[in-house]
């Protein structure tokens, strides 16, 4: 494990099938990667927005390794290890991706900006 990356994660990609006979659709998820090394931390909201009473999303930043993964915005990162971590089993939706400088013999890192992903219904 790379120094500082203290978690393992799965990366999910969700797709939505066409509407069913009652006008709704259920999301279908595919696991793209498992056992990805990661580090996640909360980003403090700006004081100006808090002072104005504006509700802000809870933002998180993450570092994932290796950096040559095919990840896009709206994919989700689920923390799988360590089991006792408060965010274990929770998912985060990717809002932004930055790739570190890659060298031919070293894949680098992915720097992500994410929000907490909450499931609306328990049966999904």
N, C-alpha and C. Protein backbone atom coordinates (compact mmCIF):
# COMPACT_ATOMS: atom_id res chain seq x y z
N UNK A 1 0.84 -1.18 0.00
CA UNK A 1 0.00 0.00 0.00
C UNK A 1 0.89 1.25 0.00
N UNK A 2 0.51 2.23 -0.77
CA UNK A 2 1.25 3.49 -0.85
C UNK A 2 1.09 4.25 0.47
N UNK A 3 2.16 4.87 0.94
CA UNK A 3 2.12 5.62 2.20
C UNK A 3 1.05 6.70 2.15
N UNK A 4 0.22 6.79 3.19
CA UNK A 4 -0.82 7.81 3.27
C UNK A 4 -2.17 7.36 2.74
N UNK A 5 -2.19 6.34 1.91
CA UNK A 5 -3.47 5.83 1.40
C UNK A 5 -3.92 4.72 2.35
N UNK A 6 -4.86 5.06 3.23
CA UNK A 6 -5.20 4.18 4.35
C UNK A 6 -6.54 3.46 4.18
N UNK A 7 -7.09 3.43 2.99
CA UNK A 7 -8.38 2.78 2.76
C UNK A 7 -8.33 1.96 1.47
N UNK A 8 -9.31 1.09 1.36
CA UNK A 8 -9.56 0.37 0.11
C UNK A 8 -10.97 0.72 -0.34
N UNK A 9 -11.18 0.76 -1.65
CA UNK A 9 -12.47 1.20 -2.16
C UNK A 9 -12.86 0.43 -3.42
N UNK A 10 -14.17 0.47 -3.71
CA UNK A 10 -14.73 -0.01 -4.97
C UNK A 10 -15.18 1.20 -5.77
N UNK A 11 -15.14 1.09 -7.07
CA UNK A 11 -15.66 2.14 -7.94
C UNK A 11 -16.85 1.57 -8.70
N UNK A 12 -18.00 2.26 -8.60
CA UNK A 12 -19.25 1.84 -9.24
C UNK A 12 -19.59 2.78 -10.38
N UNK A 13 -20.24 2.24 -11.40
CA UNK A 13 -20.84 3.07 -12.46
C UNK A 13 -22.30 2.65 -12.56
N UNK A 14 -23.19 3.64 -12.42
CA UNK A 14 -24.62 3.37 -12.50
C UNK A 14 -25.17 3.77 -13.86
N UNK A 15 -26.12 3.00 -14.32
CA UNK A 15 -26.84 3.35 -15.55
C UNK A 15 -28.32 3.17 -15.26
N UNK A 16 -29.13 3.88 -16.02
CA UNK A 16 -30.57 3.83 -15.83
C UNK A 16 -31.20 3.24 -17.07
N UNK A 17 -31.91 2.14 -16.88
CA UNK A 17 -32.61 1.50 -18.00
C UNK A 17 -33.78 2.38 -18.42
N UNK A 18 -34.37 2.06 -19.54
CA UNK A 18 -35.55 2.82 -19.98
C UNK A 18 -36.69 2.60 -18.99
N UNK A 19 -37.66 3.48 -19.03
CA UNK A 19 -38.79 3.41 -18.10
C UNK A 19 -39.51 2.07 -18.20
N UNK A 20 -39.99 1.61 -17.05
CA UNK A 20 -40.78 0.38 -17.06
C UNK A 20 -42.25 0.72 -17.31
N UNK A 21 -43.14 -0.26 -17.14
CA UNK A 21 -44.55 -0.06 -17.49
C UNK A 21 -45.28 0.92 -16.60
N UNK A 22 -44.72 1.29 -15.44
CA UNK A 22 -45.38 2.26 -14.58
C UNK A 22 -44.66 3.62 -14.59
N UNK A 23 -43.73 3.80 -15.51
CA UNK A 23 -43.12 5.11 -15.69
C UNK A 23 -41.87 5.37 -14.88
N UNK A 24 -41.31 4.35 -14.23
CA UNK A 24 -40.09 4.55 -13.45
C UNK A 24 -38.98 3.66 -13.96
N UNK A 25 -37.81 3.89 -13.50
CA UNK A 25 -36.70 3.01 -13.86
C UNK A 25 -35.84 2.80 -12.63
N UNK A 26 -35.25 1.63 -12.52
CA UNK A 26 -34.37 1.30 -11.41
C UNK A 26 -32.93 1.43 -11.88
N UNK A 27 -32.07 2.06 -11.10
CA UNK A 27 -30.66 2.15 -11.50
C UNK A 27 -30.00 0.77 -11.45
N UNK A 28 -29.10 0.54 -12.34
CA UNK A 28 -28.35 -0.70 -12.39
C UNK A 28 -26.88 -0.37 -12.23
N UNK A 29 -26.23 -0.94 -11.23
CA UNK A 29 -24.84 -0.61 -10.96
C UNK A 29 -23.89 -1.70 -11.37
N UNK A 30 -22.72 -1.29 -11.83
CA UNK A 30 -21.65 -2.21 -12.22
C UNK A 30 -20.40 -1.81 -11.46
N UNK A 31 -19.75 -2.79 -10.85
CA UNK A 31 -18.48 -2.51 -10.15
C UNK A 31 -17.38 -2.48 -11.20
N UNK A 32 -16.71 -1.33 -11.31
CA UNK A 32 -15.63 -1.19 -12.27
C UNK A 32 -14.30 -1.69 -11.72
N UNK A 33 -14.02 -1.33 -10.46
CA UNK A 33 -12.74 -1.68 -9.84
C UNK A 33 -12.98 -2.02 -8.37
N UNK A 34 -12.19 -2.95 -7.85
CA UNK A 34 -12.23 -3.27 -6.42
C UNK A 34 -10.81 -3.23 -5.87
N UNK A 35 -10.70 -3.04 -4.56
CA UNK A 35 -9.39 -3.03 -3.92
C UNK A 35 -8.51 -1.84 -4.27
N UNK A 36 -9.12 -0.73 -4.67
CA UNK A 36 -8.37 0.47 -5.02
C UNK A 36 -7.88 1.15 -3.75
N UNK A 37 -6.61 1.54 -3.73
CA UNK A 37 -6.06 2.25 -2.58
C UNK A 37 -6.55 3.69 -2.60
N UNK A 38 -6.97 4.20 -1.41
CA UNK A 38 -7.59 5.52 -1.38
C UNK A 38 -7.33 6.23 -0.05
N UNK A 39 -7.55 7.53 -0.08
CA UNK A 39 -7.59 8.37 1.13
C UNK A 39 -8.66 9.42 0.89
N UNK A 40 -9.58 9.56 1.84
CA UNK A 40 -10.69 10.50 1.70
C UNK A 40 -10.70 11.42 2.92
N UNK A 41 -10.97 12.70 2.67
CA UNK A 41 -11.13 13.65 3.78
C UNK A 41 -12.16 14.69 3.40
N UNK A 42 -12.82 15.24 4.41
CA UNK A 42 -13.85 16.25 4.19
C UNK A 42 -13.20 17.58 3.81
N UNK A 43 -13.91 18.33 2.96
CA UNK A 43 -13.47 19.68 2.59
C UNK A 43 -14.34 20.66 3.35
N UNK A 44 -13.70 21.61 4.02
CA UNK A 44 -14.43 22.60 4.80
C UNK A 44 -15.15 23.57 3.87
N UNK A 45 -16.46 23.83 4.09
CA UNK A 45 -17.17 24.79 3.24
C UNK A 45 -16.64 26.21 3.50
N UNK A 46 -16.79 27.08 2.51
CA UNK A 46 -16.28 28.44 2.67
C UNK A 46 -17.11 29.20 3.70
N UNK A 47 -16.45 30.06 4.44
CA UNK A 47 -17.10 30.81 5.50
C UNK A 47 -18.14 31.78 4.95
N UNK A 48 -17.90 32.31 3.76
CA UNK A 48 -18.83 33.28 3.17
C UNK A 48 -20.20 32.62 2.95
N UNK A 49 -20.22 31.41 2.43
CA UNK A 49 -21.49 30.73 2.20
C UNK A 49 -22.19 30.39 3.51
N UNK A 50 -21.42 29.95 4.49
CA UNK A 50 -22.02 29.62 5.79
C UNK A 50 -22.59 30.87 6.46
N UNK A 51 -21.89 32.00 6.33
CA UNK A 51 -22.33 33.25 6.93
C UNK A 51 -23.65 33.72 6.32
N UNK A 52 -23.85 33.47 5.03
CA UNK A 52 -25.08 33.88 4.35
C UNK A 52 -26.22 32.89 4.58
N UNK A 53 -25.94 31.78 5.23
CA UNK A 53 -26.99 30.80 5.49
C UNK A 53 -27.29 29.91 4.30
N UNK A 54 -26.42 29.91 3.33
CA UNK A 54 -26.64 29.07 2.16
C UNK A 54 -26.28 27.63 2.51
N UNK A 55 -27.18 26.70 2.19
CA UNK A 55 -26.87 25.30 2.42
C UNK A 55 -25.89 24.83 1.37
N UNK A 56 -24.85 24.19 1.81
CA UNK A 56 -23.85 23.68 0.88
C UNK A 56 -23.80 22.17 0.96
N UNK A 57 -23.42 21.54 -0.14
CA UNK A 57 -23.21 20.11 -0.13
C UNK A 57 -21.98 19.79 0.71
N UNK A 58 -21.99 18.63 1.32
CA UNK A 58 -20.80 18.19 2.03
C UNK A 58 -19.84 17.65 0.99
N UNK A 59 -18.71 18.33 0.85
CA UNK A 59 -17.72 17.96 -0.15
C UNK A 59 -16.59 17.16 0.48
N UNK A 60 -16.02 16.26 -0.30
CA UNK A 60 -14.91 15.44 0.14
C UNK A 60 -13.86 15.44 -0.97
N UNK A 61 -12.61 15.33 -0.56
CA UNK A 61 -11.54 15.15 -1.55
C UNK A 61 -10.97 13.76 -1.33
N UNK A 62 -10.49 13.18 -2.42
CA UNK A 62 -9.94 11.82 -2.34
C UNK A 62 -8.73 11.70 -3.25
N UNK A 63 -7.84 10.81 -2.86
CA UNK A 63 -6.71 10.43 -3.68
C UNK A 63 -6.85 8.94 -3.92
N UNK A 64 -6.84 8.53 -5.19
CA UNK A 64 -6.93 7.12 -5.55
C UNK A 64 -5.67 6.73 -6.31
N UNK A 65 -5.24 5.51 -6.08
CA UNK A 65 -4.09 4.97 -6.79
C UNK A 65 -4.44 3.59 -7.30
N UNK A 66 -4.10 3.24 -8.50
CA UNK A 66 -3.26 3.93 -9.47
C UNK A 66 -4.05 4.99 -10.23
N UNK A 67 -3.34 5.86 -10.93
CA UNK A 67 -3.97 6.97 -11.62
C UNK A 67 -4.38 6.66 -13.05
N UNK A 68 -4.23 5.43 -13.49
CA UNK A 68 -4.59 5.10 -14.86
C UNK A 68 -5.96 4.43 -14.97
N UNK A 69 -6.82 4.62 -13.97
CA UNK A 69 -8.16 4.06 -13.98
C UNK A 69 -9.07 4.87 -14.89
N UNK A 70 -10.00 4.20 -15.53
CA UNK A 70 -10.97 4.88 -16.39
C UNK A 70 -12.20 5.23 -15.56
N UNK A 71 -12.14 6.40 -14.93
CA UNK A 71 -13.20 6.87 -14.04
C UNK A 71 -13.77 8.16 -14.60
N UNK A 72 -15.09 8.37 -14.45
CA UNK A 72 -15.74 9.58 -14.95
C UNK A 72 -16.55 10.25 -13.83
N UNK A 73 -16.96 11.49 -14.09
CA UNK A 73 -17.87 12.16 -13.19
C UNK A 73 -19.15 11.33 -13.12
N UNK A 74 -19.79 11.35 -11.95
CA UNK A 74 -21.01 10.62 -11.63
C UNK A 74 -20.78 9.16 -11.29
N UNK A 75 -19.56 8.64 -11.44
CA UNK A 75 -19.25 7.33 -10.89
C UNK A 75 -19.24 7.46 -9.37
N UNK A 76 -19.30 6.35 -8.66
CA UNK A 76 -19.33 6.40 -7.20
C UNK A 76 -18.21 5.57 -6.61
N UNK A 77 -17.65 6.06 -5.51
CA UNK A 77 -16.59 5.39 -4.77
C UNK A 77 -17.19 4.89 -3.47
N UNK A 78 -17.06 3.60 -3.20
CA UNK A 78 -17.55 3.00 -1.95
C UNK A 78 -16.36 2.54 -1.13
N UNK A 79 -16.30 2.97 0.13
CA UNK A 79 -15.22 2.57 1.03
C UNK A 79 -15.51 1.14 1.51
N UNK A 80 -14.53 0.25 1.36
CA UNK A 80 -14.71 -1.15 1.76
C UNK A 80 -13.81 -1.57 2.92
N UNK A 81 -12.72 -0.85 3.15
CA UNK A 81 -11.79 -1.21 4.20
C UNK A 81 -11.12 0.05 4.72
N UNK A 82 -10.79 0.18 5.96
CA UNK A 82 -10.92 -0.75 7.07
C UNK A 82 -12.36 -0.83 7.56
N UNK A 83 -12.70 -1.98 8.07
CA UNK A 83 -14.09 -2.26 8.44
C UNK A 83 -14.59 -1.32 9.54
N UNK A 84 -13.76 -0.90 10.47
CA UNK A 84 -14.18 -0.04 11.56
C UNK A 84 -14.25 1.44 11.22
N UNK A 85 -13.94 1.81 9.99
CA UNK A 85 -13.94 3.22 9.60
C UNK A 85 -15.37 3.75 9.55
N UNK A 86 -15.62 5.00 10.00
CA UNK A 86 -16.99 5.54 10.00
C UNK A 86 -17.63 5.61 8.61
N UNK A 87 -16.84 5.71 7.56
CA UNK A 87 -17.39 5.80 6.21
C UNK A 87 -17.40 4.46 5.47
N UNK A 88 -17.05 3.38 6.15
CA UNK A 88 -17.03 2.07 5.51
C UNK A 88 -18.44 1.69 5.06
N UNK A 89 -18.58 1.31 3.81
CA UNK A 89 -19.89 0.95 3.24
C UNK A 89 -20.64 2.13 2.66
N UNK A 90 -20.14 3.34 2.85
CA UNK A 90 -20.82 4.52 2.31
C UNK A 90 -20.27 4.85 0.93
N UNK A 91 -21.11 5.49 0.11
CA UNK A 91 -20.73 5.83 -1.25
C UNK A 91 -20.62 7.34 -1.42
N UNK A 92 -19.71 7.73 -2.30
CA UNK A 92 -19.46 9.12 -2.60
C UNK A 92 -19.53 9.29 -4.12
N UNK A 93 -20.30 10.29 -4.59
CA UNK A 93 -20.43 10.55 -6.03
C UNK A 93 -19.32 11.49 -6.48
N UNK A 94 -18.65 11.14 -7.56
CA UNK A 94 -17.54 11.93 -8.08
C UNK A 94 -18.08 13.15 -8.82
N UNK A 95 -17.60 14.32 -8.45
CA UNK A 95 -17.98 15.58 -9.10
C UNK A 95 -16.89 16.12 -10.01
N UNK A 96 -15.63 15.87 -9.67
CA UNK A 96 -14.52 16.36 -10.47
C UNK A 96 -13.32 15.44 -10.37
N UNK A 97 -12.54 15.39 -11.45
CA UNK A 97 -11.37 14.51 -11.51
C UNK A 97 -10.17 15.30 -12.01
N UNK A 98 -9.05 15.12 -11.32
CA UNK A 98 -7.77 15.66 -11.78
C UNK A 98 -6.79 14.50 -11.81
N UNK A 99 -6.03 14.42 -12.85
CA UNK A 99 -5.03 13.36 -12.96
C UNK A 99 -3.65 13.94 -12.68
N UNK A 100 -2.86 13.20 -11.89
CA UNK A 100 -1.49 13.66 -11.63
C UNK A 100 -0.63 13.39 -12.86
N UNK A 101 0.54 13.97 -12.86
CA UNK A 101 1.45 13.74 -13.97
C UNK A 101 1.90 12.28 -13.97
N UNK A 102 1.70 11.64 -15.09
CA UNK A 102 2.07 10.22 -15.20
C UNK A 102 3.43 10.09 -15.86
N UNK A 103 4.18 9.15 -15.37
CA UNK A 103 5.43 8.75 -16.00
C UNK A 103 5.20 7.37 -16.61
N UNK A 104 5.96 7.00 -17.61
CA UNK A 104 5.73 5.70 -18.25
C UNK A 104 5.81 4.51 -17.30
N UNK A 105 6.66 4.58 -16.29
CA UNK A 105 6.81 3.45 -15.37
C UNK A 105 6.07 3.65 -14.05
N UNK A 106 5.31 4.73 -13.92
CA UNK A 106 4.58 4.99 -12.66
C UNK A 106 3.22 5.58 -13.02
N UNK A 107 2.13 4.90 -12.65
CA UNK A 107 0.80 5.34 -13.08
C UNK A 107 0.27 6.61 -12.41
N UNK A 108 0.84 7.07 -11.31
CA UNK A 108 0.38 8.30 -10.68
C UNK A 108 -0.86 8.13 -9.82
N UNK A 109 -1.61 9.24 -9.66
CA UNK A 109 -2.76 9.28 -8.78
C UNK A 109 -3.93 9.97 -9.46
N UNK A 110 -5.13 9.72 -8.92
CA UNK A 110 -6.33 10.47 -9.29
C UNK A 110 -6.71 11.33 -8.10
N UNK A 111 -6.96 12.61 -8.33
CA UNK A 111 -7.43 13.53 -7.29
C UNK A 111 -8.90 13.81 -7.58
N UNK A 112 -9.78 13.44 -6.65
CA UNK A 112 -11.22 13.53 -6.87
C UNK A 112 -11.86 14.53 -5.93
N UNK A 113 -12.90 15.20 -6.41
CA UNK A 113 -13.81 15.98 -5.57
C UNK A 113 -15.14 15.24 -5.59
N UNK A 114 -15.70 14.99 -4.40
CA UNK A 114 -16.89 14.14 -4.31
C UNK A 114 -17.92 14.71 -3.34
N UNK A 115 -19.16 14.21 -3.46
CA UNK A 115 -20.20 14.48 -2.48
C UNK A 115 -20.70 13.15 -1.95
N UNK A 116 -21.32 13.17 -0.77
CA UNK A 116 -21.88 11.95 -0.20
C UNK A 116 -23.07 11.53 -1.02
N UNK A 117 -23.15 10.26 -1.37
CA UNK A 117 -24.26 9.73 -2.16
C UNK A 117 -25.20 9.00 -1.23
N UNK A 118 -26.45 9.47 -1.16
CA UNK A 118 -27.45 8.85 -0.31
C UNK A 118 -28.50 8.16 -1.18
N UNK A 119 -28.87 6.95 -0.82
CA UNK A 119 -29.89 6.22 -1.55
C UNK A 119 -31.25 6.66 -1.03
N UNK A 120 -32.16 6.98 -1.96
CA UNK A 120 -33.47 7.49 -1.59
C UNK A 120 -34.37 6.40 -1.01
N UNK A 121 -34.24 5.19 -1.49
CA UNK A 121 -35.11 4.10 -1.04
C UNK A 121 -34.25 2.93 -0.60
N UNK A 122 -34.70 2.24 0.42
CA UNK A 122 -33.92 1.15 0.99
C UNK A 122 -33.82 -0.06 0.08
N UNK A 123 -34.74 -0.21 -0.87
CA UNK A 123 -34.72 -1.41 -1.71
C UNK A 123 -33.79 -1.30 -2.90
N UNK A 124 -33.05 -0.21 -3.05
CA UNK A 124 -32.14 -0.06 -4.19
C UNK A 124 -30.75 -0.48 -3.83
